[in-house]
N, C-alpha and C. Protein backbone atom coordinates (compact mmCIF):
# COMPACT_ATOMS: atom_id res chain seq x y z
N UNK A 1 -82.39 105.02 -102.23
CA UNK A 1 -81.97 104.43 -100.98
C UNK A 1 -83.01 104.75 -99.93
N UNK A 2 -83.46 103.76 -99.20
CA UNK A 2 -84.47 103.95 -98.18
C UNK A 2 -83.88 104.64 -96.96
N UNK A 3 -84.64 105.56 -96.37
CA UNK A 3 -84.20 106.25 -95.16
C UNK A 3 -84.12 105.27 -94.00
N UNK A 4 -85.06 104.37 -93.90
CA UNK A 4 -85.11 103.41 -92.81
C UNK A 4 -84.85 102.03 -93.35
N UNK A 5 -83.80 101.40 -92.85
CA UNK A 5 -83.46 100.07 -93.34
C UNK A 5 -83.63 99.01 -92.29
N UNK A 6 -84.11 99.36 -91.12
CA UNK A 6 -84.38 98.35 -90.09
C UNK A 6 -83.12 97.96 -89.34
N UNK A 7 -83.30 96.97 -88.49
CA UNK A 7 -82.23 96.55 -87.59
C UNK A 7 -81.10 95.83 -88.31
N UNK A 8 -81.38 95.27 -89.46
CA UNK A 8 -80.36 94.47 -90.12
C UNK A 8 -79.22 95.31 -90.67
N UNK A 9 -79.39 96.62 -90.78
CA UNK A 9 -78.35 97.48 -91.33
C UNK A 9 -78.01 98.58 -90.34
N UNK A 10 -77.72 98.21 -89.09
CA UNK A 10 -77.46 99.21 -88.08
C UNK A 10 -76.18 99.98 -88.36
N UNK A 11 -75.26 99.39 -89.08
CA UNK A 11 -74.00 100.06 -89.34
C UNK A 11 -74.17 101.37 -90.07
N UNK A 12 -75.20 101.51 -90.89
CA UNK A 12 -75.38 102.73 -91.65
C UNK A 12 -75.99 103.84 -90.81
N UNK A 13 -76.63 103.51 -89.67
CA UNK A 13 -77.24 104.53 -88.85
C UNK A 13 -76.46 104.78 -87.57
N UNK A 14 -75.59 103.90 -87.19
CA UNK A 14 -74.90 104.00 -85.92
C UNK A 14 -73.44 104.36 -86.17
N UNK A 15 -72.96 105.35 -85.44
CA UNK A 15 -71.58 105.75 -85.55
C UNK A 15 -70.97 105.78 -84.17
N UNK A 16 -69.66 105.81 -84.12
CA UNK A 16 -68.99 105.98 -82.85
C UNK A 16 -68.26 104.74 -82.40
N UNK A 17 -68.40 103.64 -83.13
CA UNK A 17 -67.66 102.43 -82.81
C UNK A 17 -68.27 101.66 -81.67
N UNK A 18 -67.63 100.57 -81.35
CA UNK A 18 -68.10 99.72 -80.28
C UNK A 18 -69.13 98.73 -80.77
N UNK A 19 -69.26 97.66 -80.04
CA UNK A 19 -70.24 96.64 -80.40
C UNK A 19 -71.63 97.10 -80.02
N UNK A 20 -72.59 96.71 -80.81
CA UNK A 20 -73.98 96.99 -80.48
C UNK A 20 -74.40 96.03 -79.37
N UNK A 21 -75.15 96.52 -78.38
CA UNK A 21 -75.57 95.65 -77.30
C UNK A 21 -76.61 94.65 -77.78
N UNK A 22 -76.68 93.52 -77.09
CA UNK A 22 -77.74 92.55 -77.34
C UNK A 22 -79.01 93.13 -76.76
N UNK A 23 -79.94 93.55 -77.61
CA UNK A 23 -81.14 94.23 -77.16
C UNK A 23 -82.09 93.31 -76.42
N UNK A 24 -81.85 92.01 -76.46
CA UNK A 24 -82.71 91.08 -75.75
C UNK A 24 -82.05 90.55 -74.49
N UNK A 25 -80.87 91.04 -74.15
CA UNK A 25 -80.16 90.56 -72.96
C UNK A 25 -81.00 90.83 -71.73
N UNK A 26 -81.22 89.80 -70.94
CA UNK A 26 -82.00 89.94 -69.72
C UNK A 26 -83.48 90.06 -69.94
N UNK A 27 -83.92 89.98 -71.16
CA UNK A 27 -85.33 90.13 -71.49
C UNK A 27 -85.98 88.76 -71.46
N UNK A 28 -87.06 88.62 -70.70
CA UNK A 28 -87.72 87.33 -70.58
C UNK A 28 -88.80 87.13 -71.62
N UNK A 29 -89.17 88.19 -72.31
CA UNK A 29 -90.18 88.08 -73.35
C UNK A 29 -89.52 88.31 -74.70
N UNK A 30 -90.08 87.67 -75.72
CA UNK A 30 -89.56 87.92 -77.06
C UNK A 30 -90.43 88.96 -77.72
N UNK A 31 -89.82 89.74 -78.58
CA UNK A 31 -90.57 90.73 -79.33
C UNK A 31 -91.32 90.03 -80.45
N UNK A 32 -92.47 90.57 -80.81
CA UNK A 32 -93.24 89.93 -81.86
C UNK A 32 -92.47 89.88 -83.17
N UNK A 33 -92.66 88.80 -83.91
CA UNK A 33 -92.02 88.64 -85.20
C UNK A 33 -92.78 89.48 -86.21
N UNK A 34 -92.09 90.41 -86.83
CA UNK A 34 -92.76 91.28 -87.79
C UNK A 34 -92.31 90.96 -89.20
N UNK A 35 -91.90 89.75 -89.42
CA UNK A 35 -91.44 89.40 -90.76
C UNK A 35 -90.03 89.91 -90.93
N UNK A 36 -89.71 90.43 -92.09
CA UNK A 36 -88.38 90.95 -92.36
C UNK A 36 -88.11 92.15 -91.47
N UNK A 37 -86.86 92.30 -91.07
CA UNK A 37 -86.50 93.43 -90.22
C UNK A 37 -86.90 94.73 -90.89
N UNK A 38 -87.63 95.55 -90.12
CA UNK A 38 -88.03 96.83 -90.65
C UNK A 38 -89.30 96.77 -91.47
N UNK A 39 -89.87 95.60 -91.65
CA UNK A 39 -91.08 95.48 -92.45
C UNK A 39 -92.28 95.94 -91.66
N UNK A 40 -93.15 96.67 -92.29
CA UNK A 40 -94.38 97.11 -91.65
C UNK A 40 -95.54 96.27 -92.14
N UNK A 41 -95.25 95.13 -92.73
CA UNK A 41 -96.30 94.34 -93.34
C UNK A 41 -96.87 93.27 -92.43
N UNK A 42 -96.35 93.15 -91.21
CA UNK A 42 -96.90 92.20 -90.28
C UNK A 42 -96.20 90.88 -90.33
N UNK A 43 -96.61 89.98 -89.41
CA UNK A 43 -95.98 88.69 -89.28
C UNK A 43 -96.76 87.61 -90.01
N UNK A 44 -96.87 86.46 -89.36
CA UNK A 44 -97.51 85.30 -89.95
C UNK A 44 -99.00 85.55 -90.14
N UNK A 45 -99.60 84.74 -91.02
CA UNK A 45 -101.03 84.87 -91.29
C UNK A 45 -101.82 84.74 -90.00
N UNK A 46 -102.76 85.63 -89.79
CA UNK A 46 -103.60 85.60 -88.61
C UNK A 46 -102.99 86.35 -87.43
N UNK A 47 -101.71 86.67 -87.47
CA UNK A 47 -101.08 87.40 -86.39
C UNK A 47 -101.32 88.89 -86.59
N UNK A 48 -101.41 89.64 -85.51
CA UNK A 48 -101.61 91.08 -85.67
C UNK A 48 -100.40 91.71 -86.35
N UNK A 49 -100.65 92.77 -87.08
CA UNK A 49 -99.57 93.47 -87.77
C UNK A 49 -98.63 94.06 -86.73
N UNK A 50 -97.36 93.90 -86.94
CA UNK A 50 -96.36 94.43 -86.02
C UNK A 50 -95.48 95.41 -86.77
N UNK A 51 -96.09 96.50 -87.20
CA UNK A 51 -95.35 97.51 -87.94
C UNK A 51 -94.42 98.27 -87.01
N UNK A 52 -93.85 99.35 -87.48
CA UNK A 52 -92.93 100.13 -86.67
C UNK A 52 -93.62 100.65 -85.40
N UNK A 53 -92.85 100.80 -84.34
CA UNK A 53 -93.37 101.35 -83.10
C UNK A 53 -93.60 102.85 -83.32
N UNK A 54 -94.77 103.32 -82.97
CA UNK A 54 -95.10 104.73 -83.11
C UNK A 54 -94.39 105.55 -82.03
N UNK A 55 -94.03 106.78 -82.38
CA UNK A 55 -93.40 107.66 -81.42
C UNK A 55 -94.27 107.81 -80.18
N UNK A 56 -95.58 107.95 -80.33
CA UNK A 56 -96.44 108.16 -79.16
C UNK A 56 -96.43 106.95 -78.23
N UNK A 57 -96.21 105.74 -78.75
CA UNK A 57 -96.09 104.56 -77.89
C UNK A 57 -94.78 104.61 -77.11
N UNK A 58 -93.70 105.02 -77.77
CA UNK A 58 -92.41 105.19 -77.07
C UNK A 58 -92.51 106.34 -76.08
N UNK A 59 -93.19 107.41 -76.47
CA UNK A 59 -93.33 108.57 -75.59
C UNK A 59 -94.07 108.21 -74.31
N UNK A 60 -95.04 107.34 -74.39
CA UNK A 60 -95.78 106.94 -73.19
C UNK A 60 -94.82 106.35 -72.16
N UNK A 61 -93.85 105.54 -72.60
CA UNK A 61 -92.86 104.97 -71.69
C UNK A 61 -91.94 106.08 -71.17
N UNK A 62 -91.46 106.92 -72.08
CA UNK A 62 -90.58 108.02 -71.68
C UNK A 62 -91.29 108.94 -70.69
N UNK A 63 -92.54 109.26 -70.99
CA UNK A 63 -93.32 110.15 -70.14
C UNK A 63 -93.55 109.56 -68.74
N UNK A 64 -93.93 108.30 -68.68
CA UNK A 64 -94.31 107.69 -67.39
C UNK A 64 -93.15 107.09 -66.62
N UNK A 65 -91.97 106.96 -67.23
CA UNK A 65 -90.82 106.40 -66.52
C UNK A 65 -89.66 107.40 -66.54
N UNK A 66 -89.19 107.74 -67.70
CA UNK A 66 -87.97 108.55 -67.83
C UNK A 66 -88.15 109.97 -67.30
N UNK A 67 -89.35 110.53 -67.50
CA UNK A 67 -89.54 111.92 -67.11
C UNK A 67 -89.61 112.12 -65.60
N UNK A 68 -89.50 111.07 -64.82
CA UNK A 68 -89.38 111.26 -63.38
C UNK A 68 -88.15 112.12 -63.11
N UNK A 69 -87.09 111.91 -63.91
CA UNK A 69 -85.86 112.70 -63.77
C UNK A 69 -85.59 113.58 -65.00
N UNK A 70 -85.90 113.07 -66.19
CA UNK A 70 -85.58 113.77 -67.44
C UNK A 70 -86.67 114.78 -67.79
N UNK A 71 -86.91 115.72 -66.84
CA UNK A 71 -87.86 116.81 -67.05
C UNK A 71 -87.09 118.02 -67.57
N UNK A 72 -87.78 119.13 -67.74
CA UNK A 72 -87.14 120.36 -68.15
C UNK A 72 -87.45 121.43 -67.12
N UNK A 73 -86.52 121.78 -66.24
CA UNK A 73 -85.14 121.32 -66.20
C UNK A 73 -85.03 119.91 -65.59
N UNK A 74 -83.96 119.19 -65.95
CA UNK A 74 -83.78 117.83 -65.44
C UNK A 74 -83.64 117.81 -63.91
N UNK A 75 -84.05 116.70 -63.32
CA UNK A 75 -83.97 116.50 -61.87
C UNK A 75 -83.04 115.34 -61.55
N UNK A 76 -82.63 115.24 -60.29
CA UNK A 76 -81.90 114.08 -59.77
C UNK A 76 -80.63 113.75 -60.55
N UNK A 77 -79.99 114.76 -61.11
CA UNK A 77 -78.73 114.54 -61.81
C UNK A 77 -78.85 114.09 -63.26
N UNK A 78 -80.06 114.01 -63.78
CA UNK A 78 -80.23 113.64 -65.19
C UNK A 78 -79.54 114.72 -66.05
N UNK A 79 -78.83 114.30 -67.11
CA UNK A 79 -78.08 115.28 -67.89
C UNK A 79 -78.89 116.08 -68.90
N UNK A 80 -80.03 115.55 -69.31
CA UNK A 80 -80.81 116.20 -70.37
C UNK A 80 -82.30 115.99 -70.13
N UNK A 81 -83.14 116.89 -70.67
CA UNK A 81 -84.57 116.63 -70.64
C UNK A 81 -84.95 115.67 -71.77
N UNK A 82 -85.99 114.90 -71.55
CA UNK A 82 -86.58 114.05 -72.59
C UNK A 82 -88.08 114.32 -72.60
N UNK A 83 -88.42 115.54 -72.98
CA UNK A 83 -89.82 115.97 -72.94
C UNK A 83 -90.52 115.87 -74.29
N UNK A 84 -89.74 115.88 -75.37
CA UNK A 84 -90.32 115.89 -76.71
C UNK A 84 -89.54 114.93 -77.61
N UNK A 85 -90.10 114.66 -78.77
CA UNK A 85 -89.39 113.85 -79.76
C UNK A 85 -88.06 114.53 -80.11
N UNK A 86 -88.09 115.84 -80.28
CA UNK A 86 -86.89 116.58 -80.65
C UNK A 86 -85.78 116.41 -79.62
N UNK A 87 -86.13 116.20 -78.34
CA UNK A 87 -85.12 116.00 -77.30
C UNK A 87 -84.36 114.69 -77.49
N UNK A 88 -84.89 113.75 -78.25
CA UNK A 88 -84.23 112.46 -78.46
C UNK A 88 -83.29 112.47 -79.66
N UNK A 89 -83.27 113.55 -80.42
CA UNK A 89 -82.57 113.56 -81.70
C UNK A 89 -81.23 114.28 -81.77
N UNK A 90 -80.91 115.22 -80.89
CA UNK A 90 -79.66 115.97 -81.09
C UNK A 90 -78.40 115.14 -80.83
N UNK A 91 -77.26 115.65 -81.27
CA UNK A 91 -76.00 114.98 -80.97
C UNK A 91 -75.78 114.90 -79.45
N UNK A 92 -75.09 113.85 -79.01
CA UNK A 92 -74.84 113.67 -77.59
C UNK A 92 -73.49 112.99 -77.39
N UNK A 93 -72.68 113.43 -76.49
CA UNK A 93 -72.93 114.41 -75.43
C UNK A 93 -72.55 115.84 -75.80
N UNK A 94 -71.94 116.04 -76.97
CA UNK A 94 -71.52 117.36 -77.38
C UNK A 94 -72.16 117.71 -78.72
N UNK A 95 -72.33 118.99 -79.03
CA UNK A 95 -72.89 119.37 -80.32
C UNK A 95 -72.12 118.83 -81.52
N UNK A 96 -70.84 118.53 -81.34
CA UNK A 96 -70.03 117.99 -82.44
C UNK A 96 -70.02 116.46 -82.48
N UNK A 97 -70.71 115.80 -81.56
CA UNK A 97 -70.73 114.34 -81.50
C UNK A 97 -71.46 113.75 -82.69
N UNK A 98 -71.03 112.59 -83.12
CA UNK A 98 -71.75 111.89 -84.19
C UNK A 98 -72.85 111.01 -83.63
N UNK A 99 -72.78 110.65 -82.35
CA UNK A 99 -73.85 109.88 -81.71
C UNK A 99 -74.99 110.80 -81.35
N UNK A 100 -76.17 110.23 -81.27
CA UNK A 100 -77.39 110.97 -80.96
C UNK A 100 -77.91 110.57 -79.58
N UNK A 101 -78.76 111.41 -79.00
CA UNK A 101 -79.37 111.10 -77.71
C UNK A 101 -80.04 109.74 -77.75
N UNK A 102 -80.80 109.45 -78.82
CA UNK A 102 -81.52 108.18 -78.86
C UNK A 102 -80.56 106.99 -78.87
N UNK A 103 -79.38 107.15 -79.40
CA UNK A 103 -78.41 106.06 -79.39
C UNK A 103 -77.88 105.83 -77.97
N UNK A 104 -77.68 106.91 -77.23
CA UNK A 104 -77.29 106.79 -75.82
C UNK A 104 -78.43 106.15 -75.03
N UNK A 105 -79.65 106.53 -75.33
CA UNK A 105 -80.81 105.91 -74.68
C UNK A 105 -80.82 104.41 -74.94
N UNK A 106 -80.58 104.03 -76.19
CA UNK A 106 -80.59 102.61 -76.55
C UNK A 106 -79.54 101.84 -75.74
N UNK A 107 -78.35 102.38 -75.64
CA UNK A 107 -77.29 101.72 -74.87
C UNK A 107 -77.68 101.62 -73.40
N UNK A 108 -78.15 102.72 -72.82
CA UNK A 108 -78.45 102.73 -71.39
C UNK A 108 -79.66 101.86 -71.03
N UNK A 109 -80.67 101.84 -71.86
CA UNK A 109 -81.84 101.01 -71.56
C UNK A 109 -81.52 99.54 -71.81
N UNK A 110 -80.82 99.24 -72.89
CA UNK A 110 -80.53 97.83 -73.21
C UNK A 110 -79.62 97.19 -72.17
N UNK A 111 -78.72 97.97 -71.57
CA UNK A 111 -77.84 97.44 -70.53
C UNK A 111 -78.45 97.58 -69.14
N UNK A 112 -79.64 98.12 -69.09
CA UNK A 112 -80.40 98.33 -67.85
C UNK A 112 -79.71 99.31 -66.90
N UNK A 113 -78.87 100.20 -67.48
CA UNK A 113 -78.30 101.29 -66.69
C UNK A 113 -79.38 102.34 -66.41
N UNK A 114 -80.41 102.35 -67.24
CA UNK A 114 -81.56 103.24 -67.07
C UNK A 114 -82.81 102.39 -67.15
N UNK A 115 -83.81 102.68 -66.38
CA UNK A 115 -83.84 103.74 -65.39
C UNK A 115 -82.92 103.43 -64.22
N UNK A 116 -82.23 104.47 -63.72
CA UNK A 116 -81.28 104.30 -62.63
C UNK A 116 -82.05 104.14 -61.32
N UNK A 117 -81.83 103.02 -60.67
CA UNK A 117 -82.56 102.72 -59.44
C UNK A 117 -81.64 102.70 -58.23
N UNK A 118 -80.40 103.20 -58.37
CA UNK A 118 -79.42 103.10 -57.31
C UNK A 118 -79.39 104.26 -56.33
N UNK A 119 -80.31 105.20 -56.43
CA UNK A 119 -80.31 106.34 -55.53
C UNK A 119 -81.60 106.33 -54.71
N UNK A 120 -81.53 105.87 -53.46
CA UNK A 120 -82.74 105.78 -52.64
C UNK A 120 -83.32 107.14 -52.25
N UNK A 121 -82.58 108.23 -52.48
CA UNK A 121 -83.12 109.55 -52.14
C UNK A 121 -84.11 110.06 -53.18
N UNK A 122 -84.16 109.42 -54.35
CA UNK A 122 -85.11 109.85 -55.38
C UNK A 122 -86.49 109.34 -55.01
N UNK A 123 -87.42 110.27 -54.87
CA UNK A 123 -88.80 109.91 -54.55
C UNK A 123 -89.72 110.48 -55.60
N UNK A 124 -90.72 109.73 -56.02
CA UNK A 124 -90.98 108.36 -55.62
C UNK A 124 -89.85 107.44 -56.10
N UNK A 125 -89.75 106.29 -55.50
CA UNK A 125 -88.71 105.32 -55.83
C UNK A 125 -88.79 104.95 -57.30
N UNK A 126 -87.64 104.98 -57.97
CA UNK A 126 -87.57 104.62 -59.38
C UNK A 126 -87.74 103.11 -59.50
N UNK A 127 -88.61 102.70 -60.40
CA UNK A 127 -88.88 101.28 -60.61
C UNK A 127 -88.35 100.86 -61.98
N UNK A 128 -88.04 99.57 -62.14
CA UNK A 128 -87.58 99.10 -63.46
C UNK A 128 -88.71 99.15 -64.48
N UNK A 129 -88.30 99.15 -65.74
CA UNK A 129 -89.29 99.07 -66.83
C UNK A 129 -89.98 97.72 -66.78
N UNK A 130 -91.27 97.70 -67.08
CA UNK A 130 -91.94 96.42 -67.25
C UNK A 130 -91.42 95.79 -68.54
N UNK A 131 -91.66 94.51 -68.74
CA UNK A 131 -91.24 93.87 -69.98
C UNK A 131 -91.86 94.57 -71.19
N UNK A 132 -93.13 94.95 -71.08
CA UNK A 132 -93.80 95.63 -72.20
C UNK A 132 -93.16 96.98 -72.49
N UNK A 133 -92.87 97.76 -71.44
CA UNK A 133 -92.22 99.06 -71.62
C UNK A 133 -90.82 98.88 -72.22
N UNK A 134 -90.08 97.91 -71.71
CA UNK A 134 -88.73 97.61 -72.20
C UNK A 134 -88.78 97.28 -73.69
N UNK A 135 -89.68 96.39 -74.08
CA UNK A 135 -89.79 95.99 -75.48
C UNK A 135 -90.22 97.14 -76.37
N UNK A 136 -91.19 97.93 -75.93
CA UNK A 136 -91.66 99.07 -76.73
C UNK A 136 -90.54 100.07 -76.96
N UNK A 137 -89.88 100.46 -75.89
CA UNK A 137 -88.84 101.49 -76.01
C UNK A 137 -87.65 100.98 -76.82
N UNK A 138 -87.18 99.76 -76.53
CA UNK A 138 -86.02 99.26 -77.27
C UNK A 138 -86.34 98.97 -78.72
N UNK A 139 -87.55 98.56 -79.02
CA UNK A 139 -87.91 98.35 -80.43
C UNK A 139 -87.92 99.68 -81.16
N UNK A 140 -88.50 100.71 -80.55
CA UNK A 140 -88.52 102.04 -81.17
C UNK A 140 -87.09 102.53 -81.41
N UNK A 141 -86.23 102.36 -80.43
CA UNK A 141 -84.83 102.78 -80.58
C UNK A 141 -84.12 101.97 -81.64
N UNK A 142 -84.32 100.65 -81.66
CA UNK A 142 -83.66 99.78 -82.65
C UNK A 142 -84.13 100.09 -84.06
N UNK A 143 -85.34 100.59 -84.19
CA UNK A 143 -85.86 100.96 -85.51
C UNK A 143 -85.32 102.30 -85.99
N UNK A 144 -84.53 102.97 -85.17
CA UNK A 144 -83.93 104.24 -85.58
C UNK A 144 -84.55 105.45 -84.94
N UNK A 145 -85.47 105.26 -83.97
CA UNK A 145 -86.06 106.38 -83.22
C UNK A 145 -86.71 107.41 -84.13
N UNK A 146 -87.52 106.93 -85.06
CA UNK A 146 -88.20 107.82 -86.01
C UNK A 146 -89.50 108.36 -85.42
N UNK A 147 -90.01 109.42 -86.01
CA UNK A 147 -91.25 110.06 -85.57
C UNK A 147 -92.47 109.42 -86.23
N UNK A 148 -92.45 108.10 -86.33
CA UNK A 148 -93.56 107.37 -86.95
C UNK A 148 -94.87 107.74 -86.27
N UNK A 149 -95.85 108.15 -87.04
CA UNK A 149 -97.16 108.50 -86.50
C UNK A 149 -97.28 109.94 -86.03
N UNK A 150 -96.22 110.72 -86.13
CA UNK A 150 -96.26 112.12 -85.72
C UNK A 150 -95.69 112.33 -84.33
N UNK A 151 -95.41 113.60 -84.02
CA UNK A 151 -94.75 113.92 -82.76
C UNK A 151 -95.67 114.56 -81.73
N UNK A 152 -96.91 114.75 -82.05
CA UNK A 152 -97.85 115.37 -81.11
C UNK A 152 -98.52 114.26 -80.30
N UNK A 153 -98.06 114.07 -79.06
CA UNK A 153 -98.58 113.02 -78.19
C UNK A 153 -99.12 113.64 -76.91
N UNK A 154 -100.20 113.10 -76.41
CA UNK A 154 -100.77 113.55 -75.16
C UNK A 154 -100.05 112.85 -74.01
N UNK A 155 -99.50 113.61 -73.07
CA UNK A 155 -98.85 112.97 -71.92
C UNK A 155 -99.85 112.12 -71.15
N UNK A 156 -99.38 110.97 -70.70
CA UNK A 156 -100.19 110.06 -69.90
C UNK A 156 -99.97 110.32 -68.42
N UNK A 157 -98.75 110.69 -68.06
CA UNK A 157 -98.37 110.89 -66.66
C UNK A 157 -97.94 112.33 -66.43
N UNK A 158 -98.35 112.87 -65.29
CA UNK A 158 -97.98 114.24 -64.92
C UNK A 158 -97.11 114.18 -63.68
N UNK A 159 -95.83 114.51 -63.85
CA UNK A 159 -94.87 114.44 -62.75
C UNK A 159 -94.79 115.75 -61.99
N UNK A 160 -95.54 116.76 -62.36
CA UNK A 160 -95.38 118.08 -61.76
C UNK A 160 -95.69 118.10 -60.26
N UNK A 161 -96.52 117.21 -59.79
CA UNK A 161 -96.86 117.16 -58.36
C UNK A 161 -96.33 115.91 -57.67
N UNK A 162 -95.24 115.33 -58.20
CA UNK A 162 -94.69 114.11 -57.59
C UNK A 162 -95.09 112.88 -58.40
N UNK A 163 -95.72 111.93 -57.77
CA UNK A 163 -96.09 110.68 -58.42
C UNK A 163 -97.27 110.90 -59.36
N UNK A 164 -97.15 110.46 -60.62
CA UNK A 164 -98.27 110.65 -61.55
C UNK A 164 -99.40 109.68 -61.26
N UNK A 165 -100.57 110.08 -61.64
CA UNK A 165 -101.73 109.18 -61.59
C UNK A 165 -101.73 108.40 -62.89
N UNK A 166 -101.66 107.08 -62.79
CA UNK A 166 -101.63 106.24 -63.99
C UNK A 166 -103.00 105.78 -64.38
């Protein structure tokens, strides 16, 4: 039995009930066709290979957007840090929960509850994900939030002094 079965078999990886959100709701761009769900073999002839999203690509979004609040320790009322791959994997919201942090992330990002932009006191002002960031993060989450490509990623943004230099 394969560890990763792609989006077509979400029932085997997702627990806790409820309908899965439409990951393309409100999205104006379509994600690249990668052939069969979960296939790393690429799309149509001549198209670039669209294999699984690498953790470091997802981390770049998390680092430059989510870590404005999800630092260690968390800021602005964020409930948890999202500083490492391991931070995305534990049970949530309780140690006995069957849902994982990455599943909560998937729900919150897909419904656009995150990034939370409703608090004007947060500085710098929280901005929405770009279409590219939205697609990268949601594709990584829909693929099961695996550590594809390894977990050692160089941070792109440094929030320690306020606004990062991009």
